[in-house]
N, C-alpha and C. Protein backbone atom coordinates (compact mmCIF):
# COMPACT_ATOMS: atom_id res chain seq x y z
N MET A 1 0.82 -1.19 0.00
CA MET A 1 0.00 0.00 0.00
C MET A 1 0.87 1.26 0.00
N TRP A 2 1.96 1.24 0.79
CA TRP A 2 2.85 2.41 0.84
C TRP A 2 3.51 2.65 -0.50
N PHE A 3 3.79 1.57 -1.24
CA PHE A 3 4.39 1.72 -2.56
C PHE A 3 3.48 2.54 -3.47
N LEU A 4 2.19 2.24 -3.47
CA LEU A 4 1.24 2.95 -4.33
C LEU A 4 1.13 4.43 -3.93
N ILE A 5 1.05 4.68 -2.63
CA ILE A 5 0.97 6.07 -2.16
C ILE A 5 2.23 6.84 -2.54
N THR A 6 3.39 6.23 -2.32
CA THR A 6 4.66 6.87 -2.68
C THR A 6 4.75 7.10 -4.18
N PHE A 7 4.29 6.13 -4.96
CA PHE A 7 4.31 6.25 -6.43
C PHE A 7 3.46 7.42 -6.89
N VAL A 8 2.30 7.61 -6.28
CA VAL A 8 1.41 8.73 -6.64
C VAL A 8 2.04 10.06 -6.23
N VAL A 9 2.61 10.13 -5.03
CA VAL A 9 3.21 11.39 -4.56
C VAL A 9 4.43 11.75 -5.41
N ILE A 10 5.30 10.78 -5.69
CA ILE A 10 6.45 11.04 -6.56
C ILE A 10 5.98 11.42 -7.96
N GLY A 11 4.91 10.76 -8.43
CA GLY A 11 4.34 11.11 -9.74
C GLY A 11 3.85 12.55 -9.78
N LEU A 12 3.18 12.99 -8.72
CA LEU A 12 2.70 14.36 -8.66
C LEU A 12 3.87 15.35 -8.66
N LEU A 13 4.86 15.10 -7.82
CA LEU A 13 6.02 16.00 -7.77
C LEU A 13 6.77 16.03 -9.10
N ALA A 14 7.02 14.87 -9.68
CA ALA A 14 7.74 14.81 -10.96
C ALA A 14 6.93 15.49 -12.06
N GLY A 15 5.62 15.27 -12.09
CA GLY A 15 4.77 15.90 -13.10
C GLY A 15 4.76 17.42 -12.98
N LEU A 16 4.66 17.91 -11.74
CA LEU A 16 4.66 19.36 -11.53
C LEU A 16 5.99 19.98 -11.94
N ILE A 17 7.09 19.34 -11.56
CA ILE A 17 8.41 19.87 -11.91
C ILE A 17 8.63 19.81 -13.41
N ALA A 18 8.22 18.71 -14.06
CA ALA A 18 8.37 18.60 -15.51
C ALA A 18 7.57 19.67 -16.23
N ARG A 19 6.35 19.94 -15.76
CA ARG A 19 5.53 20.99 -16.38
C ARG A 19 6.14 22.36 -16.17
N ALA A 20 6.87 22.55 -15.07
CA ALA A 20 7.53 23.83 -14.81
C ALA A 20 8.79 23.97 -15.68
N ILE A 21 9.46 22.87 -15.94
CA ILE A 21 10.69 22.91 -16.75
C ILE A 21 10.38 23.15 -18.22
N VAL A 22 9.37 22.46 -18.73
CA VAL A 22 9.01 22.56 -20.15
C VAL A 22 7.99 23.69 -20.29
N PRO A 23 8.37 24.78 -20.96
CA PRO A 23 7.45 25.91 -21.07
C PRO A 23 6.28 25.62 -21.99
N GLY A 24 5.20 26.34 -21.76
CA GLY A 24 4.03 26.22 -22.61
C GLY A 24 2.83 25.70 -21.84
N PRO A 25 1.65 25.99 -22.34
CA PRO A 25 0.43 25.54 -21.66
C PRO A 25 0.17 24.05 -21.92
N ASP A 26 -0.34 23.39 -20.91
CA ASP A 26 -0.70 21.99 -21.03
C ASP A 26 -2.12 21.82 -20.49
N PRO A 27 -2.98 21.14 -21.23
CA PRO A 27 -4.35 20.94 -20.76
C PRO A 27 -4.46 19.75 -19.80
N LEU A 28 -3.57 19.68 -18.82
CA LEU A 28 -3.57 18.58 -17.88
C LEU A 28 -4.06 19.07 -16.52
N GLY A 29 -4.95 18.33 -15.93
CA GLY A 29 -5.39 18.62 -14.58
C GLY A 29 -4.48 17.93 -13.59
N ILE A 30 -4.93 17.80 -12.36
CA ILE A 30 -4.12 17.18 -11.32
C ILE A 30 -3.91 15.69 -11.60
N VAL A 31 -4.95 15.02 -12.09
CA VAL A 31 -4.84 13.59 -12.39
C VAL A 31 -3.89 13.38 -13.56
N GLY A 32 -3.99 14.24 -14.58
CA GLY A 32 -3.08 14.16 -15.72
C GLY A 32 -1.64 14.40 -15.32
N THR A 33 -1.43 15.31 -14.39
CA THR A 33 -0.09 15.60 -13.90
C THR A 33 0.48 14.41 -13.13
N ILE A 34 -0.36 13.77 -12.33
CA ILE A 34 0.08 12.58 -11.60
C ILE A 34 0.42 11.46 -12.57
N VAL A 35 -0.44 11.25 -13.57
CA VAL A 35 -0.18 10.20 -14.56
C VAL A 35 1.10 10.52 -15.34
N LEU A 36 1.29 11.78 -15.69
CA LEU A 36 2.52 12.18 -16.37
C LEU A 36 3.75 11.83 -15.54
N GLY A 37 3.72 12.13 -14.26
CA GLY A 37 4.84 11.81 -13.38
C GLY A 37 5.04 10.32 -13.19
N MET A 38 3.94 9.56 -13.13
CA MET A 38 4.05 8.11 -12.98
C MET A 38 4.62 7.47 -14.24
N VAL A 39 4.16 7.93 -15.39
CA VAL A 39 4.73 7.45 -16.65
C VAL A 39 6.20 7.85 -16.74
N GLY A 40 6.50 9.07 -16.32
CA GLY A 40 7.88 9.54 -16.29
C GLY A 40 8.76 8.69 -15.39
N SER A 41 8.20 8.24 -14.29
CA SER A 41 8.95 7.37 -13.39
C SER A 41 9.29 6.05 -14.05
N LEU A 42 8.35 5.50 -14.78
CA LEU A 42 8.60 4.24 -15.50
C LEU A 42 9.62 4.45 -16.61
N ILE A 43 9.52 5.57 -17.32
CA ILE A 43 10.50 5.88 -18.37
C ILE A 43 11.88 6.07 -17.74
N GLY A 44 11.94 6.80 -16.62
CA GLY A 44 13.21 7.00 -15.93
C GLY A 44 13.81 5.69 -15.44
N GLY A 45 12.97 4.80 -14.93
CA GLY A 45 13.44 3.49 -14.50
C GLY A 45 13.97 2.67 -15.66
N PHE A 46 13.30 2.75 -16.80
CA PHE A 46 13.74 2.02 -17.99
C PHE A 46 15.08 2.58 -18.49
N LEU A 47 15.20 3.91 -18.52
CA LEU A 47 16.46 4.52 -18.96
C LEU A 47 17.60 4.19 -17.99
N GLY A 48 17.31 4.19 -16.70
CA GLY A 48 18.32 3.81 -15.71
C GLY A 48 18.76 2.37 -15.89
N TYR A 49 17.82 1.51 -16.21
CA TYR A 49 18.13 0.10 -16.46
C TYR A 49 19.02 -0.04 -17.69
N LEU A 50 18.68 0.71 -18.75
CA LEU A 50 19.46 0.63 -19.99
C LEU A 50 20.86 1.22 -19.84
N LEU A 51 20.96 2.36 -19.17
CA LEU A 51 22.23 3.07 -19.08
C LEU A 51 23.17 2.51 -18.02
N PHE A 52 22.62 2.15 -16.87
CA PHE A 52 23.47 1.79 -15.74
C PHE A 52 23.40 0.31 -15.36
N HIS A 53 22.51 -0.42 -15.97
CA HIS A 53 22.32 -1.85 -15.70
C HIS A 53 22.11 -2.13 -14.22
N LYS A 54 21.45 -1.19 -13.55
CA LYS A 54 21.11 -1.40 -12.14
C LYS A 54 19.86 -2.27 -12.08
N ASP A 55 19.75 -3.01 -11.05
CA ASP A 55 18.59 -3.88 -10.83
C ASP A 55 18.36 -4.81 -12.02
N VAL A 56 19.43 -5.41 -12.52
CA VAL A 56 19.33 -6.29 -13.67
C VAL A 56 18.45 -7.49 -13.35
N GLY A 57 18.40 -7.88 -12.08
CA GLY A 57 17.56 -9.00 -11.69
C GLY A 57 16.08 -8.68 -11.76
N GLN A 58 15.74 -7.40 -11.77
CA GLN A 58 14.34 -6.99 -11.88
C GLN A 58 13.99 -6.78 -13.34
N HIS A 59 12.75 -6.42 -13.57
CA HIS A 59 12.29 -6.16 -14.93
C HIS A 59 12.84 -4.83 -15.43
N ALA A 60 12.88 -4.66 -16.75
CA ALA A 60 13.40 -3.43 -17.33
C ALA A 60 12.48 -2.25 -17.05
N LEU A 61 11.20 -2.47 -16.94
CA LEU A 61 10.24 -1.40 -16.69
C LEU A 61 9.95 -1.36 -15.20
N GLN A 62 10.52 -0.36 -14.52
CA GLN A 62 10.39 -0.25 -13.08
C GLN A 62 10.35 1.21 -12.68
N PRO A 63 9.80 1.53 -11.51
CA PRO A 63 9.79 2.92 -11.07
C PRO A 63 11.20 3.38 -10.70
N SER A 64 11.44 4.68 -10.85
CA SER A 64 12.76 5.23 -10.53
C SER A 64 12.63 6.25 -9.41
N GLY A 65 13.74 6.84 -9.03
CA GLY A 65 13.75 7.88 -8.02
C GLY A 65 13.22 9.19 -8.56
N LEU A 66 13.26 10.22 -7.75
CA LEU A 66 12.68 11.51 -8.13
C LEU A 66 13.39 12.11 -9.33
N LEU A 67 14.70 12.09 -9.37
CA LEU A 67 15.43 12.67 -10.51
C LEU A 67 15.12 11.92 -11.80
N GLY A 68 15.14 10.61 -11.75
CA GLY A 68 14.79 9.82 -12.94
C GLY A 68 13.35 10.03 -13.35
N SER A 69 12.47 10.22 -12.37
CA SER A 69 11.06 10.47 -12.67
C SER A 69 10.87 11.80 -13.36
N ILE A 70 11.62 12.82 -12.92
CA ILE A 70 11.52 14.14 -13.55
C ILE A 70 12.02 14.08 -14.98
N ILE A 71 13.17 13.44 -15.20
CA ILE A 71 13.72 13.32 -16.55
C ILE A 71 12.74 12.55 -17.44
N GLY A 72 12.21 11.46 -16.93
CA GLY A 72 11.23 10.69 -17.69
C GLY A 72 9.96 11.46 -17.97
N ALA A 73 9.50 12.26 -17.00
CA ALA A 73 8.29 13.05 -17.19
C ALA A 73 8.50 14.15 -18.23
N VAL A 74 9.69 14.75 -18.25
CA VAL A 74 10.00 15.75 -19.29
C VAL A 74 9.95 15.08 -20.66
N ILE A 75 10.54 13.90 -20.77
CA ILE A 75 10.52 13.16 -22.04
C ILE A 75 9.08 12.83 -22.42
N ALA A 76 8.29 12.34 -21.47
CA ALA A 76 6.89 11.99 -21.75
C ALA A 76 6.09 13.22 -22.16
N LEU A 77 6.33 14.36 -21.52
CA LEU A 77 5.61 15.58 -21.86
C LEU A 77 5.97 16.06 -23.26
N LEU A 78 7.25 15.97 -23.62
CA LEU A 78 7.66 16.37 -24.96
C LEU A 78 7.07 15.44 -26.02
N VAL A 79 7.02 14.16 -25.74
CA VAL A 79 6.39 13.21 -26.67
C VAL A 79 4.90 13.48 -26.77
N TYR A 80 4.26 13.75 -25.65
CA TYR A 80 2.83 14.08 -25.61
C TYR A 80 2.54 15.29 -26.50
N ARG A 81 3.35 16.30 -26.37
CA ARG A 81 3.16 17.51 -27.20
C ARG A 81 3.47 17.23 -28.66
N ARG A 82 4.50 16.44 -28.92
CA ARG A 82 4.91 16.15 -30.30
C ARG A 82 3.82 15.40 -31.05
N LEU A 83 3.11 14.55 -30.33
CA LEU A 83 2.02 13.79 -30.95
C LEU A 83 0.80 14.66 -31.21
N GLY A 84 0.82 15.89 -30.72
CA GLY A 84 -0.25 16.82 -31.02
C GLY A 84 -1.32 16.91 -29.95
N HIS A 85 -1.23 16.11 -28.90
CA HIS A 85 -2.24 16.14 -27.86
C HIS A 85 -2.16 17.42 -27.05
N GLY A 86 -1.01 18.02 -27.00
CA GLY A 86 -0.85 19.24 -26.23
C GLY A 86 -1.26 20.49 -26.99
N SER A 87 -1.69 20.33 -28.25
CA SER A 87 -2.03 21.50 -29.05
C SER A 87 -3.50 21.52 -29.47
N ARG A 88 -4.37 20.90 -28.71
CA ARG A 88 -5.80 20.87 -29.06
C ARG A 88 -6.38 22.26 -29.14
N GLY A 89 -5.97 23.12 -28.24
CA GLY A 89 -6.51 24.48 -28.25
C GLY A 89 -6.11 25.23 -29.51
N ARG A 90 -4.92 24.99 -30.02
CA ARG A 90 -4.45 25.67 -31.23
C ARG A 90 -5.16 25.13 -32.47
N LEU A 91 -5.53 23.84 -32.45
CA LEU A 91 -6.20 23.26 -33.60
C LEU A 91 -7.65 23.71 -33.70
N ALA A 92 -8.25 24.01 -32.55
CA ALA A 92 -9.66 24.39 -32.54
C ALA A 92 -9.89 25.80 -33.04
N ARG A 93 -8.87 26.61 -33.08
CA ARG A 93 -9.06 28.01 -33.50
C ARG A 93 -9.25 28.18 -34.96
């Protein structure tokens, strides 16, 4: 149970920091920000696994620490915008 609570809190922090680092408006609410941070944590864990071969006994897709979560969330946010989901307001005009 503590793992899930920690994962959500780290996801929220990583999502908020990633949204502050990457300029521009995002149509994400609090739940979207948490999901962004959680996805970022998984991306950060995967990148840590690929780059540093840490936790080789575990699966490649795993949660990471706060720094890895922020880096992963920035990557996820940039991919989200690149796919056009972050520009719905511009398309509607």
